[in-house]
N, C-alpha and C. Protein backbone atom coordinates (compact mmCIF):
# COMPACT_ATOMS: atom_id res chain seq x y z
N MET A 1 -27.14 10.28 8.80
CA MET A 1 -27.26 8.99 8.15
C MET A 1 -28.03 8.05 9.07
N ASN A 2 -28.89 7.29 8.48
CA ASN A 2 -29.65 6.30 9.24
C ASN A 2 -28.74 5.15 9.64
N GLU A 3 -29.23 4.34 10.55
CA GLU A 3 -28.48 3.17 10.96
C GLU A 3 -28.49 2.16 9.82
N ILE A 4 -27.31 1.59 9.53
CA ILE A 4 -27.19 0.64 8.43
C ILE A 4 -26.45 -0.61 8.89
N THR A 5 -26.65 -1.69 8.16
CA THR A 5 -25.98 -2.95 8.49
C THR A 5 -24.55 -2.91 7.96
N ILE A 6 -23.77 -3.92 8.35
CA ILE A 6 -22.39 -4.00 7.90
C ILE A 6 -22.30 -4.12 6.38
N GLY A 7 -23.24 -4.83 5.77
CA GLY A 7 -23.25 -4.97 4.32
C GLY A 7 -23.47 -3.63 3.62
N SER A 8 -24.40 -2.85 4.14
CA SER A 8 -24.66 -1.53 3.57
C SER A 8 -23.48 -0.59 3.80
N LEU A 9 -22.88 -0.69 4.97
CA LEU A 9 -21.69 0.11 5.27
C LEU A 9 -20.58 -0.22 4.29
N ALA A 10 -20.33 -1.49 4.07
CA ALA A 10 -19.28 -1.92 3.15
C ALA A 10 -19.55 -1.41 1.74
N ARG A 11 -20.77 -1.58 1.26
CA ARG A 11 -21.12 -1.10 -0.08
C ARG A 11 -20.94 0.40 -0.21
N ALA A 12 -21.36 1.15 0.80
CA ALA A 12 -21.25 2.62 0.75
C ALA A 12 -19.80 3.07 0.69
N ALA A 13 -18.89 2.27 1.27
CA ALA A 13 -17.47 2.63 1.28
C ALA A 13 -16.69 1.99 0.14
N GLY A 14 -17.35 1.11 -0.63
CA GLY A 14 -16.68 0.47 -1.75
C GLY A 14 -15.74 -0.66 -1.35
N VAL A 15 -16.05 -1.33 -0.25
CA VAL A 15 -15.25 -2.48 0.20
C VAL A 15 -16.19 -3.65 0.43
N ASN A 16 -15.61 -4.80 0.79
CA ASN A 16 -16.49 -5.92 1.12
C ASN A 16 -16.60 -6.07 2.63
N VAL A 17 -17.52 -6.87 3.06
CA VAL A 17 -17.80 -7.05 4.49
C VAL A 17 -16.57 -7.56 5.23
N GLU A 18 -15.83 -8.48 4.61
CA GLU A 18 -14.64 -9.02 5.26
C GLU A 18 -13.59 -7.95 5.49
N THR A 19 -13.52 -6.97 4.61
CA THR A 19 -12.59 -5.85 4.81
C THR A 19 -12.99 -5.05 6.04
N VAL A 20 -14.27 -4.79 6.19
CA VAL A 20 -14.76 -4.08 7.38
C VAL A 20 -14.39 -4.86 8.63
N ARG A 21 -14.62 -6.15 8.61
CA ARG A 21 -14.30 -6.98 9.79
C ARG A 21 -12.80 -7.00 10.06
N TYR A 22 -12.01 -7.04 9.00
CA TYR A 22 -10.56 -7.02 9.17
C TYR A 22 -10.12 -5.71 9.82
N TYR A 23 -10.66 -4.59 9.36
CA TYR A 23 -10.33 -3.29 9.96
C TYR A 23 -10.76 -3.25 11.43
N GLN A 24 -11.87 -3.89 11.74
CA GLN A 24 -12.31 -3.96 13.13
C GLN A 24 -11.32 -4.77 13.96
N ARG A 25 -10.89 -5.91 13.44
CA ARG A 25 -9.91 -6.72 14.17
C ARG A 25 -8.60 -5.98 14.38
N ARG A 26 -8.21 -5.16 13.42
CA ARG A 26 -6.97 -4.38 13.52
C ARG A 26 -7.13 -3.16 14.42
N GLY A 27 -8.34 -2.86 14.84
CA GLY A 27 -8.59 -1.71 15.70
C GLY A 27 -8.72 -0.40 14.96
N LEU A 28 -8.84 -0.46 13.64
CA LEU A 28 -9.00 0.77 12.85
C LEU A 28 -10.43 1.26 12.83
N LEU A 29 -11.35 0.35 12.99
CA LEU A 29 -12.77 0.66 12.93
C LEU A 29 -13.43 -0.01 14.14
N PRO A 30 -14.20 0.76 14.90
CA PRO A 30 -14.83 0.15 16.08
C PRO A 30 -15.93 -0.83 15.69
N GLU A 31 -16.18 -1.78 16.58
CA GLU A 31 -17.33 -2.67 16.39
C GLU A 31 -18.59 -1.82 16.45
N ALA A 32 -19.64 -2.30 15.83
CA ALA A 32 -20.90 -1.56 15.85
C ALA A 32 -21.37 -1.40 17.29
N GLY A 33 -21.80 -0.20 17.60
CA GLY A 33 -22.26 0.06 18.96
C GLY A 33 -23.71 -0.32 19.19
N GLY A 34 -24.52 -0.11 18.19
CA GLY A 34 -25.95 -0.35 18.37
C GLY A 34 -26.43 -1.62 17.72
N ARG A 35 -27.66 -1.95 18.01
CA ARG A 35 -28.31 -3.13 17.42
C ARG A 35 -29.70 -2.73 16.95
N LYS A 36 -30.08 -3.36 15.89
CA LYS A 36 -31.44 -3.20 15.37
C LYS A 36 -31.95 -4.61 15.16
N GLY A 37 -32.68 -5.11 16.13
CA GLY A 37 -33.08 -6.51 16.11
C GLY A 37 -31.86 -7.38 16.29
N ALA A 38 -31.66 -8.32 15.40
CA ALA A 38 -30.52 -9.23 15.49
C ALA A 38 -29.28 -8.68 14.82
N TYR A 39 -29.40 -7.50 14.17
CA TYR A 39 -28.28 -6.95 13.40
C TYR A 39 -27.57 -5.83 14.15
N ARG A 40 -26.26 -5.83 14.02
CA ARG A 40 -25.49 -4.69 14.50
C ARG A 40 -25.63 -3.58 13.46
N VAL A 41 -25.69 -2.35 13.92
CA VAL A 41 -25.90 -1.25 12.98
C VAL A 41 -24.78 -0.22 13.12
N TYR A 42 -24.55 0.45 12.01
CA TYR A 42 -23.50 1.46 11.90
C TYR A 42 -24.13 2.76 11.45
N GLY A 43 -23.36 3.83 11.59
CA GLY A 43 -23.86 5.14 11.19
C GLY A 43 -22.84 5.92 10.39
N GLY A 44 -23.07 7.20 10.29
CA GLY A 44 -22.21 8.09 9.50
C GLY A 44 -20.78 8.17 10.02
N THR A 45 -20.59 8.05 11.32
CA THR A 45 -19.25 8.12 11.89
C THR A 45 -18.39 6.97 11.39
N GLU A 46 -18.94 5.78 11.40
CA GLU A 46 -18.20 4.61 10.93
C GLU A 46 -17.93 4.69 9.43
N LEU A 47 -18.91 5.19 8.67
CA LEU A 47 -18.71 5.33 7.23
C LEU A 47 -17.61 6.34 6.95
N ALA A 48 -17.61 7.46 7.65
CA ALA A 48 -16.57 8.47 7.46
C ALA A 48 -15.19 7.90 7.79
N ARG A 49 -15.10 7.14 8.85
CA ARG A 49 -13.83 6.53 9.25
C ARG A 49 -13.37 5.51 8.21
N LEU A 50 -14.28 4.72 7.70
CA LEU A 50 -13.96 3.74 6.68
C LEU A 50 -13.48 4.43 5.41
N ARG A 51 -14.12 5.49 5.03
CA ARG A 51 -13.68 6.25 3.85
C ARG A 51 -12.31 6.89 4.08
N PHE A 52 -12.04 7.37 5.29
CA PHE A 52 -10.73 7.91 5.66
C PHE A 52 -9.66 6.84 5.43
N ILE A 53 -9.93 5.64 5.92
CA ILE A 53 -8.97 4.53 5.79
C ILE A 53 -8.70 4.25 4.32
N ARG A 54 -9.73 4.18 3.51
CA ARG A 54 -9.56 3.88 2.08
C ARG A 54 -8.80 4.99 1.36
N ARG A 55 -9.09 6.24 1.67
CA ARG A 55 -8.36 7.35 1.04
C ARG A 55 -6.90 7.34 1.43
N ALA A 56 -6.63 7.07 2.70
CA ALA A 56 -5.24 7.01 3.17
C ALA A 56 -4.50 5.87 2.48
N GLN A 57 -5.16 4.73 2.30
CA GLN A 57 -4.53 3.63 1.58
C GLN A 57 -4.23 4.02 0.13
N ALA A 58 -5.14 4.75 -0.49
CA ALA A 58 -4.92 5.18 -1.87
C ALA A 58 -3.71 6.11 -1.98
N LEU A 59 -3.38 6.80 -0.90
CA LEU A 59 -2.20 7.67 -0.88
C LEU A 59 -0.93 6.91 -0.48
N GLY A 60 -1.07 5.61 -0.25
CA GLY A 60 0.10 4.80 0.03
C GLY A 60 0.40 4.53 1.49
N PHE A 61 -0.46 4.98 2.38
CA PHE A 61 -0.22 4.74 3.80
C PHE A 61 -0.52 3.29 4.15
N THR A 62 0.29 2.71 5.01
CA THR A 62 0.06 1.36 5.50
C THR A 62 -1.04 1.40 6.56
N LEU A 63 -1.58 0.25 6.90
CA LEU A 63 -2.60 0.22 7.94
C LEU A 63 -2.03 0.67 9.28
N GLU A 64 -0.78 0.37 9.54
CA GLU A 64 -0.15 0.84 10.77
C GLU A 64 -0.04 2.36 10.79
N GLU A 65 0.36 2.94 9.67
CA GLU A 65 0.43 4.40 9.57
C GLU A 65 -0.96 5.02 9.69
N ILE A 66 -1.95 4.38 9.09
CA ILE A 66 -3.32 4.88 9.16
C ILE A 66 -3.81 4.87 10.60
N SER A 67 -3.45 3.84 11.34
CA SER A 67 -3.82 3.78 12.75
C SER A 67 -3.27 5.00 13.49
N GLY A 68 -2.03 5.35 13.20
CA GLY A 68 -1.44 6.54 13.81
C GLY A 68 -2.15 7.82 13.40
N LEU A 69 -2.53 7.90 12.12
CA LEU A 69 -3.25 9.09 11.65
C LEU A 69 -4.62 9.20 12.31
N LEU A 70 -5.28 8.08 12.47
CA LEU A 70 -6.60 8.09 13.11
C LEU A 70 -6.53 8.54 14.56
N ALA A 71 -5.39 8.35 15.19
CA ALA A 71 -5.22 8.74 16.58
C ALA A 71 -4.97 10.24 16.73
N LEU A 72 -4.69 10.92 15.62
CA LEU A 72 -4.40 12.35 15.69
C LEU A 72 -5.67 13.17 15.79
N ASP A 73 -5.55 14.33 16.41
CA ASP A 73 -6.66 15.27 16.53
C ASP A 73 -6.56 16.26 15.37
N GLU A 74 -7.65 16.48 14.65
CA GLU A 74 -7.64 17.36 13.48
C GLU A 74 -7.19 18.77 13.78
N GLU A 75 -7.43 19.25 14.97
CA GLU A 75 -7.08 20.63 15.31
C GLU A 75 -5.74 20.73 16.04
N ALA A 76 -5.43 19.79 16.89
CA ALA A 76 -4.24 19.91 17.73
C ALA A 76 -2.99 19.25 17.15
N ASP A 77 -3.15 18.38 16.16
CA ASP A 77 -2.01 17.58 15.70
C ASP A 77 -1.61 17.86 14.25
N ARG A 78 -1.76 19.08 13.81
CA ARG A 78 -1.40 19.41 12.43
C ARG A 78 0.07 19.15 12.14
N GLU A 79 0.92 19.52 13.07
CA GLU A 79 2.37 19.35 12.87
C GLU A 79 2.72 17.86 12.75
N ARG A 80 2.14 17.04 13.60
CA ARG A 80 2.39 15.60 13.53
C ARG A 80 1.85 15.01 12.24
N ALA A 81 0.70 15.47 11.79
CA ALA A 81 0.13 14.98 10.53
C ALA A 81 1.04 15.36 9.36
N ARG A 82 1.57 16.58 9.38
CA ARG A 82 2.51 17.00 8.33
C ARG A 82 3.76 16.13 8.35
N ALA A 83 4.26 15.81 9.54
CA ALA A 83 5.46 14.98 9.66
C ALA A 83 5.21 13.59 9.07
N VAL A 84 4.05 13.02 9.34
CA VAL A 84 3.72 11.71 8.79
C VAL A 84 3.63 11.78 7.27
N ALA A 85 3.00 12.83 6.75
CA ALA A 85 2.86 13.00 5.30
C ALA A 85 4.23 13.22 4.66
N ARG A 86 5.08 14.00 5.30
CA ARG A 86 6.43 14.21 4.75
C ARG A 86 7.23 12.91 4.73
N ALA A 87 7.09 12.11 5.76
CA ALA A 87 7.78 10.81 5.80
C ALA A 87 7.28 9.92 4.67
N LYS A 88 5.98 9.96 4.39
CA LYS A 88 5.43 9.17 3.29
C LYS A 88 5.97 9.67 1.96
N ILE A 89 6.10 10.98 1.80
CA ILE A 89 6.67 11.54 0.56
C ILE A 89 8.11 11.05 0.39
N ALA A 90 8.89 11.05 1.46
CA ALA A 90 10.27 10.57 1.39
C ALA A 90 10.32 9.10 1.00
N ASP A 91 9.40 8.32 1.54
CA ASP A 91 9.33 6.90 1.21
C ASP A 91 8.98 6.72 -0.27
N ILE A 92 8.03 7.49 -0.76
CA ILE A 92 7.64 7.41 -2.17
C ILE A 92 8.80 7.82 -3.06
N ASP A 93 9.51 8.88 -2.69
CA ASP A 93 10.67 9.32 -3.47
C ASP A 93 11.73 8.23 -3.55
N ALA A 94 11.97 7.54 -2.44
CA ALA A 94 12.95 6.45 -2.42
C ALA A 94 12.50 5.31 -3.33
N ARG A 95 11.22 4.99 -3.30
CA ARG A 95 10.71 3.92 -4.16
C ARG A 95 10.80 4.32 -5.63
N ILE A 96 10.55 5.59 -5.93
CA ILE A 96 10.67 6.07 -7.31
C ILE A 96 12.12 5.92 -7.78
N ARG A 97 13.08 6.32 -6.93
CA ARG A 97 14.50 6.17 -7.29
C ARG A 97 14.82 4.70 -7.55
N GLN A 98 14.31 3.83 -6.70
CA GLN A 98 14.57 2.40 -6.86
C GLN A 98 13.96 1.88 -8.17
N LEU A 99 12.76 2.30 -8.48
CA LEU A 99 12.12 1.88 -9.73
C LEU A 99 12.89 2.41 -10.94
N GLU A 100 13.43 3.62 -10.84
CA GLU A 100 14.25 4.16 -11.93
C GLU A 100 15.50 3.31 -12.13
N GLU A 101 16.10 2.84 -11.03
CA GLU A 101 17.26 1.95 -11.12
C GLU A 101 16.88 0.63 -11.78
N VAL A 102 15.73 0.09 -11.41
CA VAL A 102 15.26 -1.15 -12.01
C VAL A 102 15.02 -0.96 -13.50
N ARG A 103 14.39 0.15 -13.86
CA ARG A 103 14.14 0.44 -15.28
C ARG A 103 15.44 0.54 -16.05
N ALA A 104 16.43 1.25 -15.48
CA ALA A 104 17.72 1.40 -16.15
C ALA A 104 18.41 0.04 -16.32
N ALA A 105 18.33 -0.81 -15.29
CA ALA A 105 18.95 -2.13 -15.38
C ALA A 105 18.27 -2.96 -16.47
N LEU A 106 16.94 -2.92 -16.51
CA LEU A 106 16.22 -3.67 -17.55
C LEU A 106 16.53 -3.13 -18.95
N HIS A 107 16.59 -1.82 -19.07
CA HIS A 107 16.92 -1.20 -20.36
C HIS A 107 18.31 -1.65 -20.81
N SER A 108 19.24 -1.67 -19.88
CA SER A 108 20.60 -2.11 -20.19
C SER A 108 20.62 -3.57 -20.64
N LEU A 109 19.86 -4.42 -19.96
CA LEU A 109 19.80 -5.82 -20.34
C LEU A 109 19.18 -6.00 -21.73
N VAL A 110 18.11 -5.25 -22.02
CA VAL A 110 17.48 -5.34 -23.34
C VAL A 110 18.45 -4.89 -24.42
N THR A 111 19.15 -3.79 -24.19
CA THR A 111 20.13 -3.30 -25.16
C THR A 111 21.23 -4.32 -25.38
N CYS A 112 21.72 -4.91 -24.30
CA CYS A 112 22.75 -5.94 -24.39
C CYS A 112 22.24 -7.13 -25.19
N CYS A 113 21.02 -7.52 -24.95
CA CYS A 113 20.42 -8.66 -25.65
C CYS A 113 20.30 -8.37 -27.15
N GLU A 114 19.93 -7.14 -27.48
CA GLU A 114 19.78 -6.76 -28.89
C GLU A 114 21.11 -6.80 -29.63
N HIS A 115 22.20 -6.56 -28.91
CA HIS A 115 23.51 -6.45 -29.55
C HIS A 115 24.42 -7.65 -29.28
N THR A 116 23.86 -8.73 -28.76
CA THR A 116 24.63 -9.95 -28.51
C THR A 116 24.41 -10.91 -29.67
N ASP A 117 25.46 -11.60 -30.02
CA ASP A 117 25.37 -12.60 -31.09
C ASP A 117 24.22 -13.57 -30.78
N ALA A 118 23.41 -13.85 -31.77
CA ALA A 118 22.23 -14.71 -31.59
C ALA A 118 22.61 -16.11 -31.10
N ARG A 119 23.84 -16.55 -31.36
CA ARG A 119 24.27 -17.88 -30.92
C ARG A 119 24.66 -17.89 -29.44
N ALA A 120 24.89 -16.71 -28.87
CA ALA A 120 25.28 -16.62 -27.45
C ALA A 120 24.03 -16.71 -26.57
N PRO A 121 24.21 -17.13 -25.31
CA PRO A 121 23.06 -17.17 -24.39
C PRO A 121 22.45 -15.78 -24.20
N CYS A 122 21.18 -15.76 -23.93
CA CYS A 122 20.45 -14.50 -23.74
C CYS A 122 20.94 -13.79 -22.48
N PRO A 123 21.43 -12.56 -22.60
CA PRO A 123 21.93 -11.82 -21.42
C PRO A 123 20.86 -11.57 -20.37
N ILE A 124 19.61 -11.42 -20.78
CA ILE A 124 18.52 -11.18 -19.81
C ILE A 124 18.34 -12.42 -18.95
N LEU A 125 18.22 -13.56 -19.60
CA LEU A 125 18.02 -14.80 -18.86
C LEU A 125 19.24 -15.16 -18.02
N GLN A 126 20.43 -14.86 -18.53
CA GLN A 126 21.65 -15.11 -17.75
C GLN A 126 21.68 -14.23 -16.50
N ALA A 127 21.31 -12.96 -16.65
CA ALA A 127 21.32 -12.05 -15.50
C ALA A 127 20.31 -12.48 -14.45
N LEU A 128 19.15 -12.93 -14.89
CA LEU A 128 18.12 -13.36 -13.94
C LEU A 128 18.51 -14.65 -13.24
N GLY A 129 19.26 -15.49 -13.90
CA GLY A 129 19.67 -16.76 -13.30
C GLY A 129 21.06 -16.71 -12.72
N GLY A 130 21.64 -15.52 -12.62
CA GLY A 130 23.03 -15.36 -12.17
C GLY A 130 23.27 -15.84 -10.76
N ASP A 131 24.50 -16.17 -10.49
CA ASP A 131 24.95 -16.62 -9.17
C ASP A 131 25.53 -15.42 -8.43
N PRO A 132 24.92 -15.00 -7.30
CA PRO A 132 25.40 -13.82 -6.58
C PRO A 132 26.84 -13.97 -6.08
N ARG A 133 27.34 -15.19 -5.94
CA ARG A 133 28.71 -15.39 -5.45
C ARG A 133 29.75 -15.02 -6.49
N ASP A 134 29.37 -15.10 -7.78
CA ASP A 134 30.36 -14.75 -8.81
C ASP A 134 30.11 -13.39 -9.43
N GLY A 135 29.16 -12.63 -8.86
CA GLY A 135 28.91 -11.27 -9.34
C GLY A 135 28.12 -11.21 -10.62
N SER A 136 27.61 -12.32 -11.11
CA SER A 136 26.92 -12.32 -12.39
C SER A 136 25.52 -11.70 -12.32
N ASP A 137 25.06 -11.36 -11.12
CA ASP A 137 23.75 -10.68 -11.01
C ASP A 137 23.91 -9.20 -10.75
N ALA A 138 25.07 -8.66 -11.06
CA ALA A 138 25.34 -7.25 -10.78
C ALA A 138 24.40 -6.31 -11.52
N ALA A 139 23.90 -6.74 -12.68
CA ALA A 139 23.00 -5.86 -13.46
C ALA A 139 21.58 -5.86 -12.90
N VAL A 140 21.28 -6.76 -12.00
CA VAL A 140 19.93 -6.86 -11.46
C VAL A 140 19.92 -6.22 -10.07
N PRO A 141 19.27 -5.06 -9.90
CA PRO A 141 19.26 -4.39 -8.60
C PRO A 141 18.50 -5.16 -7.55
N LYS A 142 18.84 -4.94 -6.30
CA LYS A 142 18.14 -5.57 -5.19
C LYS A 142 16.76 -4.94 -5.06
N LEU A 143 15.76 -5.77 -4.92
CA LEU A 143 14.38 -5.29 -4.77
C LEU A 143 13.98 -5.36 -3.31
N PRO A 144 13.06 -4.49 -2.88
CA PRO A 144 12.63 -4.54 -1.48
C PRO A 144 11.85 -5.81 -1.19
N GLY A 145 11.86 -6.18 0.10
CA GLY A 145 11.04 -7.30 0.54
C GLY A 145 11.74 -8.55 0.34
């Protein structure tokens, strides 16, 4: 690959220039090593690394996890890479279970609302506005974050 500017690098990877700069500040992507006139230039190595970062993000890895993956050696660290991937699978499985609980709680609230006297307050709105001290939010599962 020929030497390219940061704008061309960003376009080739499907991100914007500020994303490239952010990855550089985070230490995920090195600053451009070379210069072509007044412009810093990048090559195939930086593009490959940027694409690695984007693919890892698409699989659900955080930037911190991606930093760890980037530090691994493709030949010597297969076991560590598998461990990181297995940990991510466990995290995804836990989030799926949590989403299933949320879906079940919402389904229960909708069913309750359908079968509650129209003159009574809406069970969905009551559950969302419930006071945790009196247990009235029991149908609403705790969400992460």
